[in-house]
PDB file of N, CA and C in Angstrom:
ATOM      1  N   MET A   1      25.631 -43.197  61.701  1.00  0.00           N
ATOM      2  CA  MET A   1      26.495 -42.201  61.110  1.00  0.00           C
ATOM      3  C   MET A   1      26.064 -40.829  61.608  1.00  0.00           C
ATOM      4  N   ARG A   2      27.023 -40.051  62.031  1.00  0.00           N
ATOM      5  CA  ARG A   2      26.741 -38.726  62.573  1.00  0.00           C
ATOM      6  C   ARG A   2      27.212 -37.669  61.580  1.00  0.00           C
ATOM      7  N   LEU A   3      26.353 -36.722  61.236  1.00  0.00           N
ATOM      8  CA  LEU A   3      26.719 -35.633  60.337  1.00  0.00           C
ATOM      9  C   LEU A   3      27.350 -34.510  61.133  1.00  0.00           C
ATOM     10  N   ARG A   4      28.345 -33.877  60.517  1.00  0.00           N
ATOM     11  CA  ARG A   4      29.033 -32.780  61.175  1.00  0.00           C
ATOM     12  C   ARG A   4      29.096 -31.606  60.215  1.00  0.00           C
ATOM     13  N   LEU A   5      28.565 -30.463  60.630  1.00  0.00           N
ATOM     14  CA  LEU A   5      28.690 -29.262  59.813  1.00  0.00           C
ATOM     15  C   LEU A   5      30.119 -28.770  59.923  1.00  0.00           C
ATOM     16  N   VAL A   6      30.695 -28.402  58.791  1.00  0.00           N
ATOM     17  CA  VAL A   6      32.108 -28.052  58.746  1.00  0.00           C
ATOM     18  C   VAL A   6      32.257 -26.607  58.319  1.00  0.00           C
ATOM     19  N   SER A   7      32.988 -25.845  59.104  1.00  0.00           N
ATOM     20  CA  SER A   7      33.351 -24.496  58.679  1.00  0.00           C
ATOM     21  C   SER A   7      34.782 -24.548  58.165  1.00  0.00           C
ATOM     22  N   ASP A   8      35.199 -23.550  57.394  1.00  0.00           N
ATOM     23  CA  ASP A   8      36.546 -23.545  56.853  1.00  0.00           C
ATOM     24  C   ASP A   8      37.611 -23.481  57.945  1.00  0.00           C
ATOM     25  N   ALA A   9      37.252 -23.057  59.141  1.00  0.00           N
ATOM     26  CA  ALA A   9      38.230 -22.919  60.216  1.00  0.00           C
ATOM     27  C   ALA A   9      38.360 -24.183  61.052  1.00  0.00           C
ATOM     28  N   GLY A  10      37.461 -25.143  60.913  1.00  0.00           N
ATOM     29  CA  GLY A  10      37.461 -26.300  61.792  1.00  0.00           C
ATOM     30  C   GLY A  10      37.729 -27.606  61.082  1.00  0.00           C
ATOM     31  N   PHE A  11      38.845 -27.729  60.420  1.00  0.00           N
ATOM     32  CA  PHE A  11      39.152 -28.948  59.690  1.00  0.00           C
ATOM     33  C   PHE A  11      39.649 -30.032  60.621  1.00  0.00           C
ATOM     34  N   MET A  12      39.389 -31.271  60.209  1.00  0.00           N
ATOM     35  CA  MET A  12      39.846 -32.435  60.955  1.00  0.00           C
ATOM     36  C   MET A  12      40.509 -33.418  59.994  1.00  0.00           C
ATOM     37  N   LYS A  13      41.321 -34.297  60.546  1.00  0.00           N
ATOM     38  CA  LYS A  13      41.930 -35.366  59.764  1.00  0.00           C
ATOM     39  C   LYS A  13      40.820 -36.179  59.103  1.00  0.00           C
ATOM     40  N   GLY A  14      40.968 -36.452  57.803  1.00  0.00           N
ATOM     41  CA  GLY A  14      39.967 -37.203  57.064  1.00  0.00           C
ATOM     42  C   GLY A  14      39.022 -36.338  56.248  1.00  0.00           C
ATOM     43  N   ASP A  15      39.004 -35.028  56.507  1.00  0.00           N
ATOM     44  CA  ASP A  15      38.134 -34.130  55.745  1.00  0.00           C
ATOM     45  C   ASP A  15      38.581 -34.050  54.288  1.00  0.00           C
ATOM     46  N   LEU A  16      37.628 -33.879  53.402  1.00  0.00           N
ATOM     47  CA  LEU A  16      37.904 -33.724  51.971  1.00  0.00           C
ATOM     48  C   LEU A  16      37.900 -32.236  51.643  1.00  0.00           C
ATOM     49  N   VAL A  17      38.961 -31.788  50.956  1.00  0.00           N
ATOM     50  CA  VAL A  17      39.146 -30.358  50.712  1.00  0.00           C
ATOM     51  C   VAL A  17      39.704 -30.097  49.322  1.00  0.00           C
ATOM     52  N   SER A  18      39.611 -28.830  48.922  1.00  0.00           N
ATOM     53  CA  SER A  18      40.355 -28.328  47.776  1.00  0.00           C
ATOM     54  C   SER A  18      41.215 -27.187  48.302  1.00  0.00           C
ATOM     55  N   VAL A  19      42.155 -26.727  47.479  1.00  0.00           N
ATOM     56  CA  VAL A  19      43.052 -25.642  47.868  1.00  0.00           C
ATOM     57  C   VAL A  19      42.689 -24.419  47.035  1.00  0.00           C
ATOM     58  N   LYS A  20      42.450 -23.299  47.689  1.00  0.00           N
ATOM     59  CA  LYS A  20      41.979 -22.086  47.020  1.00  0.00           C
ATOM     60  C   LYS A  20      42.901 -21.648  45.880  1.00  0.00           C
ATOM     61  N   SER A  21      44.199 -21.849  46.013  1.00  0.00           N
ATOM     62  CA  SER A  21      45.157 -21.379  45.010  1.00  0.00           C
ATOM     63  C   SER A  21      45.452 -22.417  43.920  1.00  0.00           C
ATOM     64  N   MET A  22      44.706 -23.520  43.910  1.00  0.00           N
ATOM     65  CA  MET A  22      44.919 -24.585  42.925  1.00  0.00           C
ATOM     66  C   MET A  22      43.630 -24.794  42.128  1.00  0.00           C
ATOM     67  N   PRO A  23      43.719 -25.464  40.967  1.00  0.00           N
ATOM     68  CA  PRO A  23      42.504 -25.750  40.188  1.00  0.00           C
ATOM     69  C   PRO A  23      41.460 -26.488  41.030  1.00  0.00           C
ATOM     70  N   GLY A  24      40.197 -26.137  40.844  1.00  0.00           N
ATOM     71  CA  GLY A  24      39.109 -26.697  41.638  1.00  0.00           C
ATOM     72  C   GLY A  24      38.888 -28.182  41.470  1.00  0.00           C
ATOM     73  N   ASN A  25      39.393 -28.757  40.373  1.00  0.00           N
ATOM     74  CA  ASN A  25      39.202 -30.195  40.164  1.00  0.00           C
ATOM     75  C   ASN A  25      40.238 -31.039  40.903  1.00  0.00           C
ATOM     76  N   GLU A  26      41.215 -30.405  41.563  1.00  0.00           N
ATOM     77  CA  GLU A  26      42.191 -31.142  42.375  1.00  0.00           C
ATOM     78  C   GLU A  26      41.649 -31.220  43.792  1.00  0.00           C
ATOM     79  N   ARG A  27      41.383 -32.439  44.234  1.00  0.00           N
ATOM     80  CA  ARG A  27      40.749 -32.662  45.529  1.00  0.00           C
ATOM     81  C   ARG A  27      41.641 -33.519  46.405  1.00  0.00           C
ATOM     82  N   PHE A  28      41.581 -33.252  47.712  1.00  0.00           N
ATOM     83  CA  PHE A  28      42.503 -33.871  48.650  1.00  0.00           C
ATOM     84  C   PHE A  28      41.789 -34.344  49.908  1.00  0.00           C
ATOM     85  N   CYS A  29      42.462 -35.243  50.620  1.00  0.00           N
ATOM     86  CA  CYS A  29      42.038 -35.686  51.936  1.00  0.00           C
ATOM     87  C   CYS A  29      43.109 -35.231  52.927  1.00  0.00           C
ATOM     88  N   ILE A  30      42.686 -34.663  54.050  1.00  0.00           N
ATOM     89  CA  ILE A  30      43.648 -34.250  55.075  1.00  0.00           C
ATOM     90  C   ILE A  30      44.132 -35.503  55.805  1.00  0.00           C
ATOM     91  N   ILE A  31      45.442 -35.721  55.788  1.00  0.00           N
ATOM     92  CA  ILE A  31      46.000 -36.893  56.472  1.00  0.00           C
ATOM     93  C   ILE A  31      46.749 -36.523  57.745  1.00  0.00           C
ATOM     94  N   GLY A  32      46.904 -35.228  58.001  1.00  0.00           N
ATOM     95  CA  GLY A  32      47.572 -34.799  59.227  1.00  0.00           C
ATOM     96  C   GLY A  32      47.727 -33.298  59.283  1.00  0.00           C
ATOM     97  N   PHE A  33      48.234 -32.838  60.427  1.00  0.00           N
ATOM     98  CA  PHE A  33      48.473 -31.418  60.645  1.00  0.00           C
ATOM     99  C   PHE A  33      49.836 -31.229  61.272  1.00  0.00           C
ATOM    100  N   LYS A  34      50.428 -30.062  61.046  1.00  0.00           N
ATOM    101  CA  LYS A  34      51.655 -29.665  61.718  1.00  0.00           C
ATOM    102  C   LYS A  34      51.683 -28.146  61.752  1.00  0.00           C
ATOM    103  N   THR A  35      52.722 -27.561  62.297  1.00  0.00           N
ATOM    104  CA  THR A  35      52.848 -26.110  62.310  1.00  0.00           C
ATOM    105  C   THR A  35      54.115 -25.725  61.552  1.00  0.00           C
ATOM    106  N   ASN A  36      54.079 -24.553  60.931  1.00  0.00           N
ATOM    107  CA  ASN A  36      55.254 -24.088  60.197  1.00  0.00           C
ATOM    108  C   ASN A  36      56.159 -23.276  61.126  1.00  0.00           C
ATOM    109  N   GLU A  37      57.195 -22.672  60.562  1.00  0.00           N
ATOM    110  CA  GLU A  37      58.165 -21.932  61.368  1.00  0.00           C
ATOM    111  C   GLU A  37      57.558 -20.697  62.039  1.00  0.00           C
ATOM    112  N   ARG A  38      56.439 -20.206  61.547  1.00  0.00           N
ATOM    113  CA  ARG A  38      55.743 -19.065  62.166  1.00  0.00           C
ATOM    114  C   ARG A  38      54.642 -19.540  63.111  1.00  0.00           C
ATOM    115  N   ASN A  39      54.646 -20.814  63.422  1.00  0.00           N
ATOM    116  CA  ASN A  39      53.681 -21.444  64.330  1.00  0.00           C
ATOM    117  C   ASN A  39      52.252 -21.369  63.805  1.00  0.00           C
ATOM    118  N   GLU A  40      52.076 -21.383  62.475  1.00  0.00           N
ATOM    119  CA  GLU A  40      50.761 -21.401  61.843  1.00  0.00           C
ATOM    120  C   GLU A  40      50.405 -22.834  61.466  1.00  0.00           C
ATOM    121  N   PRO A  41      49.112 -23.200  61.538  1.00  0.00           N
ATOM    122  CA  PRO A  41      48.722 -24.577  61.207  1.00  0.00           C
ATOM    123  C   PRO A  41      48.841 -24.865  59.707  1.00  0.00           C
ATOM    124  N   VAL A  42      49.407 -26.024  59.409  1.00  0.00           N
ATOM    125  CA  VAL A  42      49.591 -26.491  58.035  1.00  0.00           C
ATOM    126  C   VAL A  42      48.974 -27.884  57.939  1.00  0.00           C
ATOM    127  N   ALA A  43      48.234 -28.123  56.863  1.00  0.00           N
ATOM    128  CA  ALA A  43      47.621 -29.434  56.653  1.00  0.00           C
ATOM    129  C   ALA A  43      48.471 -30.252  55.691  1.00  0.00           C
ATOM    130  N   VAL A  44      48.603 -31.531  55.972  1.00  0.00           N
ATOM    131  CA  VAL A  44      49.254 -32.472  55.060  1.00  0.00           C
ATOM    132  C   VAL A  44      48.131 -33.116  54.254  1.00  0.00           C
ATOM    133  N   LEU A  45      48.196 -32.976  52.926  1.00  0.00           N
ATOM    134  CA  LEU A  45      47.104 -33.391  52.045  1.00  0.00           C
ATOM    135  C   LEU A  45      47.540 -34.488  51.092  1.00  0.00           C
ATOM    136  N   LYS A  46      46.674 -35.476  50.889  1.00  0.00           N
ATOM    137  CA  LYS A  46      46.899 -36.531  49.909  1.00  0.00           C
ATOM    138  C   LYS A  46      45.842 -36.395  48.822  1.00  0.00           C
ATOM    139  N   ALA A  47      46.293 -36.382  47.583  1.00  0.00           N
ATOM    140  CA  ALA A  47      45.357 -36.276  46.459  1.00  0.00           C
ATOM    141  C   ALA A  47      44.425 -37.485  46.453  1.00  0.00           C
ATOM    142  N   LEU A  48      43.165 -37.257  46.107  1.00  0.00           N
ATOM    143  CA  LEU A  48      42.189 -38.350  46.117  1.00  0.00           C
ATOM    144  C   LEU A  48      42.432 -39.377  45.023  1.00  0.00           C
ATOM    145  N   PHE A  49      42.910 -38.956  43.871  1.00  0.00           N
ATOM    146  CA  PHE A  49      43.027 -39.881  42.746  1.00  0.00           C
ATOM    147  C   PHE A  49      44.464 -40.088  42.296  1.00  0.00           C
ATOM    148  N   ASN A  50      45.428 -39.818  43.197  1.00  0.00           N
ATOM    149  CA  ASN A  50      46.833 -40.023  42.893  1.00  0.00           C
ATOM    150  C   ASN A  50      47.526 -40.437  44.182  1.00  0.00           C
ATOM    151  N   ASP A  51      47.894 -41.699  44.289  1.00  0.00           N
ATOM    152  CA  ASP A  51      48.451 -42.243  45.529  1.00  0.00           C
ATOM    153  C   ASP A  51      49.791 -41.637  45.928  1.00  0.00           C
ATOM    154  N   THR A  52      50.508 -41.020  44.998  1.00  0.00           N
ATOM    155  CA  THR A  52      51.841 -40.521  45.316  1.00  0.00           C
ATOM    156  C   THR A  52      51.901 -39.000  45.454  1.00  0.00           C
ATOM    157  N   TYR A  53      50.782 -38.302  45.327  1.00  0.00           N
ATOM    158  CA  TYR A  53      50.752 -36.846  45.374  1.00  0.00           C
ATOM    159  C   TYR A  53      50.356 -36.393  46.771  1.00  0.00           C
ATOM    160  N   ILE A  54      51.351 -35.989  47.561  1.00  0.00           N
ATOM    161  CA  ILE A  54      51.130 -35.515  48.921  1.00  0.00           C
ATOM    162  C   ILE A  54      51.770 -34.141  49.038  1.00  0.00           C
ATOM    163  N   ILE A  55      50.986 -33.157  49.533  1.00  0.00           N
ATOM    164  CA  ILE A  55      51.479 -31.791  49.650  1.00  0.00           C
ATOM    165  C   ILE A  55      51.139 -31.232  51.023  1.00  0.00           C
ATOM    166  N   GLU A  56      51.733 -30.095  51.343  1.00  0.00           N
ATOM    167  CA  GLU A  56      51.422 -29.367  52.565  1.00  0.00           C
ATOM    168  C   GLU A  56      50.933 -27.979  52.177  1.00  0.00           C
ATOM    169  N   LYS A  57      49.833 -27.539  52.790  1.00  0.00           N
ATOM    170  CA  LYS A  57      49.272 -26.218  52.521  1.00  0.00           C
ATOM    171  C   LYS A  57      48.778 -25.608  53.837  1.00  0.00           C
ATOM    172  N   PRO A  58      48.867 -24.281  53.957  1.00  0.00           N
ATOM    173  CA  PRO A  58      48.316 -23.631  55.154  1.00  0.00           C
ATOM    174  C   PRO A  58      46.814 -23.903  55.265  1.00  0.00           C
ATOM    175  N   VAL A  59      46.347 -24.095  56.467  1.00  0.00           N
ATOM    176  CA  VAL A  59      44.924 -24.357  56.699  1.00  0.00           C
ATOM    177  C   VAL A  59      44.075 -23.217  56.130  1.00  0.00           C
ATOM    178  N   SER A  60      44.587 -22.010  56.139  1.00  0.00           N
ATOM    179  CA  SER A  60      43.844 -20.860  55.623  1.00  0.00           C
ATOM    180  C   SER A  60      43.591 -20.956  54.122  1.00  0.00           C
ATOM    181  N   GLU A  61      44.332 -21.818  53.410  1.00  0.00           N
ATOM    182  CA  GLU A  61      44.167 -21.990  51.969  1.00  0.00           C
ATOM    183  C   GLU A  61      43.157 -23.076  51.608  1.00  0.00           C
ATOM    184  N   LEU A  62      42.608 -23.762  52.609  1.00  0.00           N
ATOM    185  CA  LEU A  62      41.727 -24.901  52.335  1.00  0.00           C
ATOM    186  C   LEU A  62      40.271 -24.479  52.218  1.00  0.00           C
ATOM    187  N   ARG A  63      39.566 -25.223  51.382  1.00  0.00           N
ATOM    188  CA  ARG A  63      38.119 -25.047  51.205  1.00  0.00           C
ATOM    189  C   ARG A  63      37.500 -26.438  51.344  1.00  0.00           C
ATOM    190  N   THR A  64      36.493 -26.568  52.192  1.00  0.00           N
ATOM    191  CA  THR A  64      35.875 -27.867  52.413  1.00  0.00           C
ATOM    192  C   THR A  64      35.059 -28.305  51.192  1.00  0.00           C
ATOM    193  N   LEU A  65      35.022 -29.600  50.958  1.00  0.00           N
ATOM    194  CA  LEU A  65      34.190 -30.171  49.899  1.00  0.00           C
ATOM    195  C   LEU A  65      32.957 -30.838  50.473  1.00  0.00           C
ATOM    196  N   LEU A  66      32.902 -30.989  51.775  1.00  0.00           N
ATOM    197  CA  LEU A  66      31.770 -31.632  52.416  1.00  0.00           C
ATOM    198  C   LEU A  66      30.654 -30.630  52.662  1.00  0.00           C
ATOM    199  N   ILE A  67      29.483 -31.103  52.862  1.00  0.00           N
ATOM    200  CA  ILE A  67      28.281 -30.333  53.161  1.00  0.00           C
ATOM    201  C   ILE A  67      27.807 -29.526  51.952  1.00  0.00           C
ATOM    202  N   LYS A  68      28.713 -28.949  51.182  1.00  0.00           N
ATOM    203  CA  LYS A  68      28.336 -28.104  50.069  1.00  0.00           C
ATOM    204  C   LYS A  68      27.956 -28.913  48.835  1.00  0.00           C
ATOM    205  N   GLY A  69      28.091 -30.238  48.898  1.00  0.00           N
ATOM    206  CA  GLY A  69      27.680 -31.085  47.792  1.00  0.00           C
ATOM    207  C   GLY A  69      28.629 -31.057  46.606  1.00  0.00           C
ATOM    208  N   LEU A  70      29.900 -30.745  46.837  1.00  0.00           N
ATOM    209  CA  LEU A  70      30.848 -30.689  45.731  1.00  0.00           C
ATOM    210  C   LEU A  70      31.438 -32.042  45.384  1.00  0.00           C
ATOM    211  N   LEU A  71      31.260 -33.024  46.245  1.00  0.00           N
ATOM    212  CA  LEU A  71      31.767 -34.370  45.950  1.00  0.00           C
ATOM    213  C   LEU A  71      30.605 -35.317  45.795  1.00  0.00           C
TER     214      LEU A  71
END
């Protein structure tokens, strides 16, 4: 197993994150990326404990849960 230090700017598919504008107890897994109409990166997020809750948020709104020991 290889450890990877994660900065808020370098997210990858599979990373565990929270959204800055949402309650801190809502946690998500990144399942994909796309760009919006302004050509900005947007992450497609699936809630960790709700199989039907999938949202899209700008990458700039994400906060990593890895490395910091929040999970």
